[in-house]
Amino acid sequence: MTKIKKIEADIDATVNNFMKHENETFTDAKAESAMTLVSLYPELKSDTLVKEQIKIHTENNKKN
């Protein structure tokens, strides 16, 4: 496995684990509104991680 592919695999695993954690957190949370969830868990932003993951994959593919 090339160094770039290893890094991409590590990023994939990390993002997938975080997304699972985020989903479980929102599923288990008992809140009255989405705004309450956002204020309680502002650090949960898997969409940002996925965007960065796509950016890394795109940049790496341009190099190949």
C-alpha atoms as a PDB file:
ATOM      1  CA  MET A   1       0.000   0.000   0.000  1.00  0.00           C
ATOM      2  CA  THR A   2       1.385   3.394  -0.941  1.00  0.00           C
ATOM      3  CA  LYS A   3       1.894   6.072   1.676  1.00  0.00           C
ATOM      4  CA  ILE A   4      -0.951   8.168   0.221  1.00  0.00           C
ATOM      5  CA  LYS A   5      -3.351   5.195   0.191  1.00  0.00           C
ATOM      6  CA  LYS A   6      -2.426   4.404   3.825  1.00  0.00           C
ATOM      7  CA  ILE A   7      -3.175   7.995   4.861  1.00  0.00           C
ATOM      8  CA  GLU A   8      -6.474   7.922   2.973  1.00  0.00           C
ATOM      9  CA  ALA A   9      -7.426   4.619   4.641  1.00  0.00           C
ATOM     10  CA  ASP A  10      -6.603   6.076   8.066  1.00  0.00           C
ATOM     11  CA  ILE A  11      -8.709   9.169   7.324  1.00  0.00           C
ATOM     12  CA  ASP A  12     -11.595   6.984   6.099  1.00  0.00           C
ATOM     13  CA  ALA A  13     -11.544   4.919   9.298  1.00  0.00           C
ATOM     14  CA  THR A  14     -11.371   8.003  11.513  1.00  0.00           C
ATOM     15  CA  VAL A  15     -14.239   9.776   9.742  1.00  0.00           C
ATOM     16  CA  ASN A  16     -16.400   6.644   9.763  1.00  0.00           C
ATOM     17  CA  ASN A  17     -15.823   6.125  13.484  1.00  0.00           C
ATOM     18  CA  PHE A  18     -16.636   9.763  14.211  1.00  0.00           C
ATOM     19  CA  MET A  19     -19.805   9.630  12.117  1.00  0.00           C
ATOM     20  CA  LYS A  20     -20.906   6.509  14.022  1.00  0.00           C
ATOM     21  CA  HIS A  21     -20.222   8.267  17.334  1.00  0.00           C
ATOM     22  CA  GLU A  22     -22.119  11.364  16.208  1.00  0.00           C
ATOM     23  CA  ASN A  23     -25.109   9.307  15.075  1.00  0.00           C
ATOM     24  CA  GLU A  24     -25.211   7.419  18.372  1.00  0.00           C
ATOM     25  CA  THR A  25     -24.970  10.677  20.324  1.00  0.00           C
ATOM     26  CA  PHE A  26     -27.898  12.251  18.496  1.00  0.00           C
ATOM     27  CA  THR A  27     -29.927   9.028  18.654  1.00  0.00           C
ATOM     28  CA  ASP A  28     -29.376   8.638  22.398  1.00  0.00           C
ATOM     29  CA  ALA A  29     -29.960  12.314  23.231  1.00  0.00           C
ATOM     30  CA  LYS A  30     -33.307  13.201  24.696  1.00  0.00           C
ATOM     31  CA  ALA A  31     -33.981  16.786  23.682  1.00  0.00           C
ATOM     32  CA  GLU A  32     -36.989  18.884  22.859  1.00  0.00           C
ATOM     33  CA  SER A  33     -35.563  20.499  19.757  1.00  0.00           C
ATOM     34  CA  ALA A  34     -32.723  20.380  17.258  1.00  0.00           C
ATOM     35  CA  MET A  35     -31.439  23.705  18.609  1.00  0.00           C
ATOM     36  CA  THR A  36     -31.028  22.115  22.027  1.00  0.00           C
ATOM     37  CA  LEU A  37     -28.960  19.323  20.469  1.00  0.00           C
ATOM     38  CA  VAL A  38     -26.797  21.799  18.583  1.00  0.00           C
ATOM     39  CA  SER A  39     -26.115  23.792  21.722  1.00  0.00           C
ATOM     40  CA  LEU A  40     -25.360  20.649  23.726  1.00  0.00           C
ATOM     41  CA  TYR A  41     -23.102  19.069  21.101  1.00  0.00           C
ATOM     42  CA  PRO A  42     -21.488  21.822  19.019  1.00  0.00           C
ATOM     43  CA  GLU A  43     -18.342  19.728  18.457  1.00  0.00           C
ATOM     44  CA  LEU A  44     -20.257  17.121  16.441  1.00  0.00           C
ATOM     45  CA  LYS A  45     -19.658  18.145  12.868  1.00  0.00           C
ATOM     46  CA  SER A  46     -19.084  15.070  10.722  1.00  0.00           C
ATOM     47  CA  ASP A  47     -20.105  17.036   7.624  1.00  0.00           C
ATOM     48  CA  THR A  48     -16.938  19.118   8.019  1.00  0.00           C
ATOM     49  CA  LEU A  49     -14.842  15.970   8.336  1.00  0.00           C
ATOM     50  CA  VAL A  50     -16.411  14.453   5.229  1.00  0.00           C
ATOM     51  CA  LYS A  51     -15.803  17.640   3.223  1.00  0.00           C
ATOM     52  CA  GLU A  52     -12.151  17.634   4.266  1.00  0.00           C
ATOM     53  CA  GLN A  53     -11.884  13.927   3.464  1.00  0.00           C
ATOM     54  CA  ILE A  54     -13.210  14.529  -0.065  1.00  0.00           C
ATOM     55  CA  LYS A  55     -10.781  17.431  -0.484  1.00  0.00           C
ATOM     56  CA  ILE A  56      -7.830  15.222   0.502  1.00  0.00           C
ATOM     57  CA  HIS A  57      -8.901  12.438  -1.869  1.00  0.00           C
ATOM     58  CA  THR A  58      -9.353  14.925  -4.715  1.00  0.00           C
ATOM     59  CA  GLU A  59      -5.947  16.521  -4.161  1.00  0.00           C
ATOM     60  CA  ASN A  60      -4.255  13.126  -3.974  1.00  0.00           C
ATOM     61  CA  ASN A  61      -5.919  11.971  -7.196  1.00  0.00           C
ATOM     62  CA  LYS A  62      -4.671  15.068  -9.011  1.00  0.00           C
ATOM     63  CA  LYS A  63      -1.103  14.097  -8.057  1.00  0.00           C
ATOM     64  CA  ASN A  64      -1.445  10.612  -9.596  1.00  0.00           C
END
